[in-house]
Protein backbone atom coordinates (compact mmCIF):
# COMPACT_ATOMS: atom_id res chain seq x y z
CA MET A 1 -11.37 -13.90 -15.03
CA ALA A 2 -9.24 -17.53 -14.12
CA ALA A 3 -8.39 -16.06 -10.75
CA ASP A 4 -12.54 -16.08 -10.37
CA THR A 5 -12.95 -19.55 -11.98
CA ALA A 6 -10.35 -21.00 -9.44
CA LEU A 7 -12.04 -19.53 -6.13
CA ASP A 8 -15.80 -20.53 -7.33
CA MET A 9 -14.24 -24.10 -6.49
CA PRO A 10 -14.12 -25.14 -2.77
CA SER A 11 -11.66 -22.73 -0.58
CA ARG A 12 -8.74 -24.48 0.74
CA ASP A 13 -8.90 -23.46 4.34
CA ALA A 14 -6.13 -22.16 6.79
CA ALA A 15 -5.12 -25.07 8.20
CA SER A 16 -4.82 -27.23 5.13
CA VAL A 17 -2.55 -24.07 4.12
CA LEU A 18 -0.81 -24.48 7.57
CA ALA A 19 -0.04 -28.01 6.60
CA VAL A 20 0.99 -27.57 3.42
CA ALA A 21 3.07 -24.47 4.54
CA ALA A 22 5.23 -26.83 7.24
CA GLY A 23 5.52 -29.26 4.51
CA PRO A 24 5.69 -29.93 0.85
CA ALA A 25 5.21 -27.01 -0.90
CA GLY A 26 1.79 -26.69 -2.56
CA ASP A 27 0.13 -24.49 -5.39
CA GLY A 28 -2.17 -21.89 -4.53
CA LEU A 29 -4.38 -18.81 -5.53
CA ALA A 30 -5.45 -16.07 -3.60
CA ASP A 31 -8.06 -13.51 -4.34
CA LEU A 32 -6.87 -10.39 -3.12
CA SER A 33 -9.81 -8.21 -3.30
CA HIS A 34 -9.51 -7.61 0.14
CA PHE A 35 -6.29 -5.52 -0.48
CA GLY A 36 -6.52 -1.91 -1.60
CA LEU A 37 -4.26 -0.45 -4.34
CA ILE A 38 -3.09 3.20 -4.23
CA SER A 39 -1.46 4.44 -7.36
CA VAL A 40 1.25 7.31 -6.87
CA GLU A 41 2.34 9.12 -10.40
CA GLY A 42 3.84 12.29 -11.68
CA PRO A 43 6.94 13.78 -12.32
CA GLU A 44 7.64 13.79 -8.36
CA ALA A 45 6.07 11.19 -7.08
CA GLY A 46 9.61 9.05 -5.97
CA GLN A 47 10.65 12.11 -4.03
CA PHE A 48 7.65 12.70 -2.45
CA LEU A 49 7.03 8.83 -1.08
CA GLY A 50 10.63 9.20 -0.52
CA SER A 51 9.92 11.94 1.84
CA LEU A 52 7.14 10.13 3.96
CA PHE A 53 7.99 6.44 4.21
CA THR A 54 10.67 4.99 5.74
CA GLY A 55 11.91 2.59 3.47
CA ASP A 56 14.60 4.24 1.16
CA VAL A 57 11.66 4.68 -2.05
CA ARG A 58 15.19 6.06 -4.06
CA LEU A 59 15.54 2.09 -4.32
CA VAL A 60 12.50 1.25 -5.77
CA SER A 61 12.17 0.86 -9.48
CA PRO A 62 10.51 -1.46 -12.05
CA THR A 63 12.44 -3.87 -10.95
CA LEU A 64 12.60 -3.72 -7.01
CA GLY A 65 10.23 -3.08 -5.04
CA GLN A 66 9.77 -3.33 -1.14
CA PHE A 67 7.90 -3.79 2.03
CA THR A 68 7.98 -0.54 4.19
CA SER A 69 5.44 1.68 6.38
CA TRP A 70 4.49 5.09 6.92
CA CYS A 71 4.69 6.47 10.52
CA ASP A 72 3.54 9.38 12.05
CA GLY A 73 5.61 11.94 13.88
CA LYS A 74 5.79 9.90 16.91
CA GLY A 75 7.30 7.00 14.84
CA ARG A 76 4.51 4.80 15.43
CA MET A 77 3.39 2.93 11.85
CA LEU A 78 0.13 4.01 10.22
CA ALA A 79 0.36 2.04 7.62
CA THR A 80 2.40 -0.93 6.20
CA PHE A 81 2.31 -2.04 2.80
CA TRP A 82 4.04 -3.45 -0.38
CA LEU A 83 5.36 -0.30 -2.45
CA PHE A 84 6.54 -1.41 -6.09
CA MET A 85 6.43 0.72 -9.62
CA ARG A 86 4.39 -0.42 -12.68
CA SER A 87 4.84 1.32 -15.74
CA ASP A 88 6.22 5.24 -14.61
CA GLY A 89 3.76 5.29 -11.44
CA TYR A 90 4.09 3.80 -8.03
CA TYR A 91 1.39 1.72 -6.04
CA LEU A 92 0.95 0.65 -2.42
CA LEU A 93 -0.82 -2.63 -1.53
CA LEU A 94 -2.38 -2.68 1.49
CA PRO A 95 -5.63 -3.85 3.40
CA MET A 96 -8.51 -2.14 2.17
CA ALA A 97 -9.80 -1.35 5.26
CA LEU A 98 -6.68 0.97 5.81
CA LEU A 99 -6.75 2.67 2.03
CA PRO A 100 -9.22 5.56 2.83
CA THR A 101 -7.41 7.16 5.54
CA THR A 102 -4.28 6.39 3.99
CA VAL A 103 -5.44 7.87 0.67
CA SER A 104 -6.76 11.08 2.71
CA ARG A 105 -3.59 11.22 4.82
CA LEU A 106 -1.17 11.12 1.72
CA LYS A 107 -3.09 14.02 0.07
CA GLN A 108 -2.74 16.23 2.76
CA PHE A 109 1.32 16.47 2.50
CA LEU A 110 1.02 17.01 -1.96
CA LEU A 111 0.99 20.71 -1.46
CA ARG A 112 2.52 21.75 -4.62
CA THR A 113 3.90 18.41 -5.06
CA LYS A 114 3.36 17.15 -8.84
CA ALA A 115 2.41 14.03 -8.34
CA THR A 116 -1.19 12.80 -8.17
CA ILE A 117 -2.77 10.21 -5.74
CA SER A 118 -5.69 7.89 -6.51
CA ASP A 119 -7.55 4.34 -6.01
CA ALA A 120 -6.59 2.31 -8.63
CA SER A 121 -7.97 -1.27 -6.59
CA ASP A 122 -10.99 -0.84 -9.31
CA THR A 123 -8.59 -0.56 -12.32
CA LEU A 124 -6.15 -3.50 -11.37
CA ALA A 125 -6.89 -6.90 -10.05
CA ARG A 126 -4.58 -8.74 -7.36
CA VAL A 127 -3.90 -12.19 -6.88
CA GLY A 128 -1.55 -14.12 -4.79
CA LEU A 129 0.44 -17.20 -5.84
CA SER A 130 2.14 -19.71 -4.01
CA GLY A 131 4.14 -22.91 -4.09
CA ALA A 132 6.66 -24.58 -5.64
CA GLY A 133 5.08 -25.49 -8.58
CA VAL A 134 4.02 -21.74 -9.51
CA ALA A 135 7.53 -20.82 -8.96
CA ALA A 136 8.83 -23.43 -11.49
CA ALA A 137 6.15 -22.30 -14.42
CA LEU A 138 6.94 -18.43 -13.29
CA GLY A 139 11.04 -19.62 -13.70
CA SER A 140 10.29 -21.07 -17.54
CA ALA A 141 8.35 -17.33 -18.32
CA GLY A 142 11.67 -16.12 -17.53
CA ILE A 143 11.28 -15.11 -13.99
CA ASP A 144 13.68 -15.89 -11.65
CA ALA A 145 12.29 -18.33 -9.17
CA ALA A 146 14.65 -18.15 -6.31
CA ALA A 147 14.09 -14.30 -6.79
CA ALA A 148 14.82 -11.83 -3.62
CA ARG A 149 11.90 -10.42 -1.75
CA GLY A 150 10.22 -7.30 -3.61
CA SER A 151 12.21 -8.43 -6.85
CA THR A 152 9.68 -7.16 -9.82
CA PHE A 153 8.38 -8.21 -13.78
CA ASP A 154 6.71 -7.65 -16.34
CA LEU A 155 4.48 -10.70 -17.47
CA ASP A 156 2.04 -10.77 -19.86
CA GLY A 157 0.94 -7.16 -19.26
CA CYS A 158 0.95 -7.89 -15.91
CA THR A 159 3.35 -6.61 -12.39
CA VAL A 160 4.76 -9.74 -10.49
CA VAL A 161 6.42 -9.17 -7.14
CA ALA A 162 7.81 -11.62 -5.22
CA LEU A 163 7.53 -11.77 -1.84
CA GLY A 164 10.44 -13.73 -0.54
CA HIS A 165 12.06 -17.39 -1.55
CA THR A 166 11.15 -19.42 1.71
CA ALA A 167 10.02 -22.48 2.42
CA GLN A 168 6.24 -21.42 0.59
CA PRO A 169 7.89 -19.11 -2.08
CA ARG A 170 4.66 -16.73 -2.64
CA TRP A 171 3.98 -14.09 -5.72
CA LEU A 172 1.66 -11.03 -6.11
CA ALA A 173 0.26 -10.60 -9.38
CA ILE A 174 -1.63 -7.54 -10.60
CA GLY A 175 -2.82 -6.10 -13.71
CA PRO A 176 -5.69 -5.65 -15.93
CA ALA A 177 -8.52 -8.32 -14.96
CA GLY A 178 -8.15 -9.69 -18.52
CA ALA A 179 -4.48 -10.22 -18.64
CA LEU A 180 -4.39 -11.41 -15.38
CA GLY A 181 -6.63 -14.35 -15.71
CA SER A 182 -4.91 -15.17 -19.01
CA LEU A 183 -1.98 -15.24 -17.05
CA CYS A 184 -2.95 -17.31 -14.66
CA SER A 185 -5.16 -19.75 -16.98
CA GLY A 186 -1.96 -19.97 -19.62
CA ARG A 187 1.08 -19.79 -17.63
CA LEU A 188 0.35 -21.64 -14.26
CA PRO A 189 0.24 -25.22 -12.98
CA ALA A 190 -3.14 -26.30 -11.24
CA VAL A 191 -3.55 -24.48 -8.24
CA GLN A 192 -5.97 -24.65 -5.50
CA PRO A 193 -7.55 -21.41 -4.15
CA ILE A 194 -6.78 -19.96 -0.81
CA ASP A 195 -9.19 -18.52 0.74
CA ASP A 196 -8.34 -14.92 3.05
CA ALA A 197 -7.12 -16.86 6.08
CA GLY A 198 -5.17 -18.95 4.42
CA TRP A 199 -3.02 -16.44 2.90
CA SER A 200 -3.17 -14.39 5.89
CA LEU A 201 -1.56 -17.73 7.88
CA LEU A 202 1.02 -17.49 5.04
CA ASP A 203 1.54 -13.53 5.92
CA ILE A 204 1.82 -14.61 9.30
CA LEU A 205 4.51 -16.95 8.99
CA ALA A 206 6.54 -15.56 6.79
CA GLY A 207 6.93 -12.06 9.53
CA ILE A 208 5.12 -9.78 7.44
CA PRO A 209 3.22 -7.44 9.29
CA LEU A 210 0.26 -6.08 7.84
CA LEU A 211 -1.37 -3.17 10.40
CA LEU A 212 -5.04 -2.83 10.60
CA PRO A 213 -6.87 0.06 11.87
CA GLU A 214 -6.92 -1.86 15.06
CA THR A 215 -3.01 -1.99 15.55
CA SER A 216 -2.58 1.42 13.39
CA GLY A 217 -0.39 3.77 15.15
CA GLU A 218 0.62 1.15 17.52
CA PHE A 219 4.07 0.02 17.04
CA ILE A 220 7.66 1.68 16.20
CA PRO A 221 8.97 -0.18 12.80
CA GLN A 222 11.94 -1.78 15.26
CA MET A 223 9.07 -3.93 16.80
CA VAL A 224 8.06 -5.47 13.83
CA ASP A 225 11.92 -6.56 11.86
CA LEU A 226 11.00 -3.84 9.47
CA GLU A 227 14.51 -3.48 8.97
CA ALA A 228 15.38 -6.91 8.24
CA LEU A 229 12.55 -6.86 5.56
CA GLY A 230 14.04 -4.26 3.73
CA GLY A 231 11.16 -1.50 4.62
CA LEU A 232 13.27 0.73 7.09
CA SER A 233 16.65 3.12 6.12
CA PHE A 234 18.55 4.59 8.40
CA LYS A 235 20.92 6.22 5.08
CA LYS A 236 17.80 8.15 3.51
CA GLY A 237 16.65 11.93 4.09
CA CYS A 238 14.16 12.70 6.65
CA TYR A 239 10.57 11.70 7.42
CA PRO A 240 7.79 11.74 9.88
CA GLY A 241 8.77 10.39 13.19
CA GLN A 242 12.79 9.64 11.74
CA GLU A 243 14.16 11.19 14.73
CA VAL A 244 12.00 8.97 17.58
CA VAL A 245 13.11 5.47 15.24
CA ALA A 246 16.48 6.71 14.67
CA ARG A 247 16.99 7.26 18.47
CA LEU A 248 15.99 3.70 19.34
CA HIS A 249 18.52 2.33 16.74
CA TYR A 250 21.38 3.99 17.88
CA ARG A 251 20.89 3.83 21.23
CA GLY A 252 19.62 -0.05 21.25
CA GLN A 253 16.61 0.27 23.67
CA LEU A 254 14.07 -1.79 21.84
CA LYS A 255 11.84 -3.00 24.68
CA ARG A 256 9.15 -4.62 22.75
CA ARG A 257 9.61 -7.04 19.81
CA MET A 258 7.20 -8.99 17.06
CA VAL A 259 7.27 -13.15 17.62
CA LEU A 260 5.50 -15.67 16.07
CA ALA A 261 3.61 -17.92 18.07
CA THR A 262 0.34 -20.28 18.33
CA VAL A 263 -2.52 -20.26 20.78
CA ALA A 264 -5.56 -22.07 21.61
CA ALA A 265 -8.03 -20.09 20.70
CA ASP A 266 -11.53 -20.35 19.32
CA PRO A 267 -12.73 -17.85 17.95
CA VAL A 268 -9.32 -16.32 16.53
CA PRO A 269 -8.31 -13.27 18.34
CA LEU A 270 -8.93 -10.08 17.01
CA PRO A 271 -6.05 -7.95 15.82
CA GLY A 272 -5.55 -5.69 18.93
CA THR A 273 -6.27 -7.82 21.19
CA LYS A 274 -3.80 -7.44 24.75
CA LEU A 275 -1.44 -10.03 25.86
CA TYR A 276 -0.49 -10.12 29.61
CA GLY A 277 1.97 -11.95 31.63
CA PRO A 278 0.84 -13.71 35.27
CA GLY A 279 -0.28 -11.61 37.93
CA THR A 280 0.03 -8.38 36.00
CA SER A 281 -2.64 -6.30 35.12
CA GLU A 282 -1.31 -3.93 32.86
CA SER A 283 -0.97 -5.36 28.96
CA ILE A 284 2.83 -6.68 28.26
CA GLY A 285 2.02 -7.18 24.49
CA MET A 286 -0.87 -6.90 21.74
CA VAL A 287 -2.03 -9.38 19.08
CA LEU A 288 -1.06 -7.84 15.30
CA ALA A 289 -2.37 -10.43 13.12
CA ALA A 290 -3.76 -13.50 13.56
CA ALA A 291 -5.29 -16.45 11.91
CA PRO A 292 -6.77 -19.93 11.86
CA ALA A 293 -4.06 -23.21 12.40
CA GLY A 294 -6.20 -26.06 13.02
CA PRO A 295 -8.91 -26.70 15.16
CA GLY A 296 -8.74 -24.79 18.03
CA GLN A 297 -5.88 -23.23 17.14
CA ALA A 298 -4.56 -20.13 15.72
CA ALA A 299 -1.36 -18.79 14.55
CA ILE A 300 -0.50 -15.41 15.41
CA LEU A 301 2.30 -12.33 14.99
CA ALA A 302 2.45 -10.36 18.39
CA VAL A 303 4.18 -7.73 19.59
CA VAL A 304 5.47 -8.24 23.43
CA VAL A 305 7.47 -7.18 26.15
CA ILE A 306 10.84 -8.69 25.42
CA GLU A 307 11.59 -8.79 29.36
CA GLN A 308 8.26 -10.45 30.03
CA LEU A 309 9.28 -12.69 26.56
CA GLU A 310 12.16 -13.91 28.55
CA GLN A 311 10.32 -14.96 31.36
CA GLY A 312 8.32 -16.86 29.32
CA ASP A 313 4.79 -16.58 30.44
CA ILE A 314 2.44 -14.63 27.89
CA ARG A 315 -1.50 -14.92 28.15
CA LEU A 316 -4.18 -14.13 25.65
CA GLN A 317 -6.96 -11.60 26.71
CA SER A 318 -6.26 -11.83 30.73
CA ALA A 319 -3.66 -13.20 33.29
CA GLU A 320 -5.26 -16.09 33.15
CA GLY A 321 -6.02 -16.42 29.66
CA PRO A 322 -4.55 -19.35 27.50
CA ARG A 323 -1.04 -19.58 27.12
CA LEU A 324 0.97 -18.87 24.06
CA THR A 325 3.31 -21.18 22.33
CA VAL A 326 6.36 -18.97 20.94
CA ALA A 327 8.41 -20.33 17.55
CA THR A 328 11.80 -20.73 18.24
CA GLY A 329 13.15 -20.36 14.70
CA GLY A 330 11.09 -16.84 13.91
CA ALA A 331 8.54 -16.27 11.10
CA ASP A 332 9.49 -19.27 8.83
CA PRO A 333 7.05 -21.96 7.55
CA GLY A 334 9.40 -24.65 8.91
CA TYR A 335 9.51 -23.45 12.96
CA GLN A 336 9.47 -25.59 15.77
CA PRO A 337 7.76 -24.20 18.23
CA MET A 338 8.79 -23.96 22.12
CA GLU A 339 7.04 -23.20 25.40
CA GLY A 340 7.43 -19.51 25.67
């Protein structure tokens, strides 16, 4: 398909994506085959998912999706993902590394529910789209170029989901390979391919906390600002871990939170890498995601003890490791770094 053709071109690496994200918006296309797709279909699919996920699944419709999570009984997130509808079915887009265990665990809860769960990764292709030119092209096709996060549209047999209109507007496009290829070749301006690290970098800059096996079960939703992303509701029914999550919300005792930072690191730190404060032997945080951001530099999302963050000295891997530079403006492509 057209996406494959584009991806045969020399890939735009993460460093150049960072330059684009911090400056004038460029137009890019990312092959998202490293993300898996789970299908949940049936007359009770919505009710089933609503009983498990932290977001209010009742709000999910063919025109609105959400970024949300699934927790264990202790309120720790097992997975985070984009949830959207296509036709009458629900779909979860999440890193492929978490797909097998997520499918297996979901099926354990089905019991007599009138719903089916399957791996749809081989059925529907996935690409990520980025840039002002892409947004304008979609706008000319009748899709709101400034659509809010989660807004979902049908276009040429594909499902298009807005990831948020920030300084670098982005979209997901999902559909049969032929239809998706026709959409990309017929609707979009000239785009450059974005490699996996480049797309990860854009997720990091946008503050999207995608979990991997190394970080699954480590964080409570509030630690990663999930409510601000629209994936945590306190007005819905019960779900696993709700008591823990609600207690933290109403008592206001959050001790860790997510930050965007850069750090001198080569190679890029792996998800799950521990963080330390000076003179401390116990970890005060963890890398959630990281991507190259220039020669010898990495951009990271990390969850850090708030008290330590306020003291302003966070180190990678050990108390003597490289120091993190924390963004003042939060997870936004236009952030200005400060010494944290």
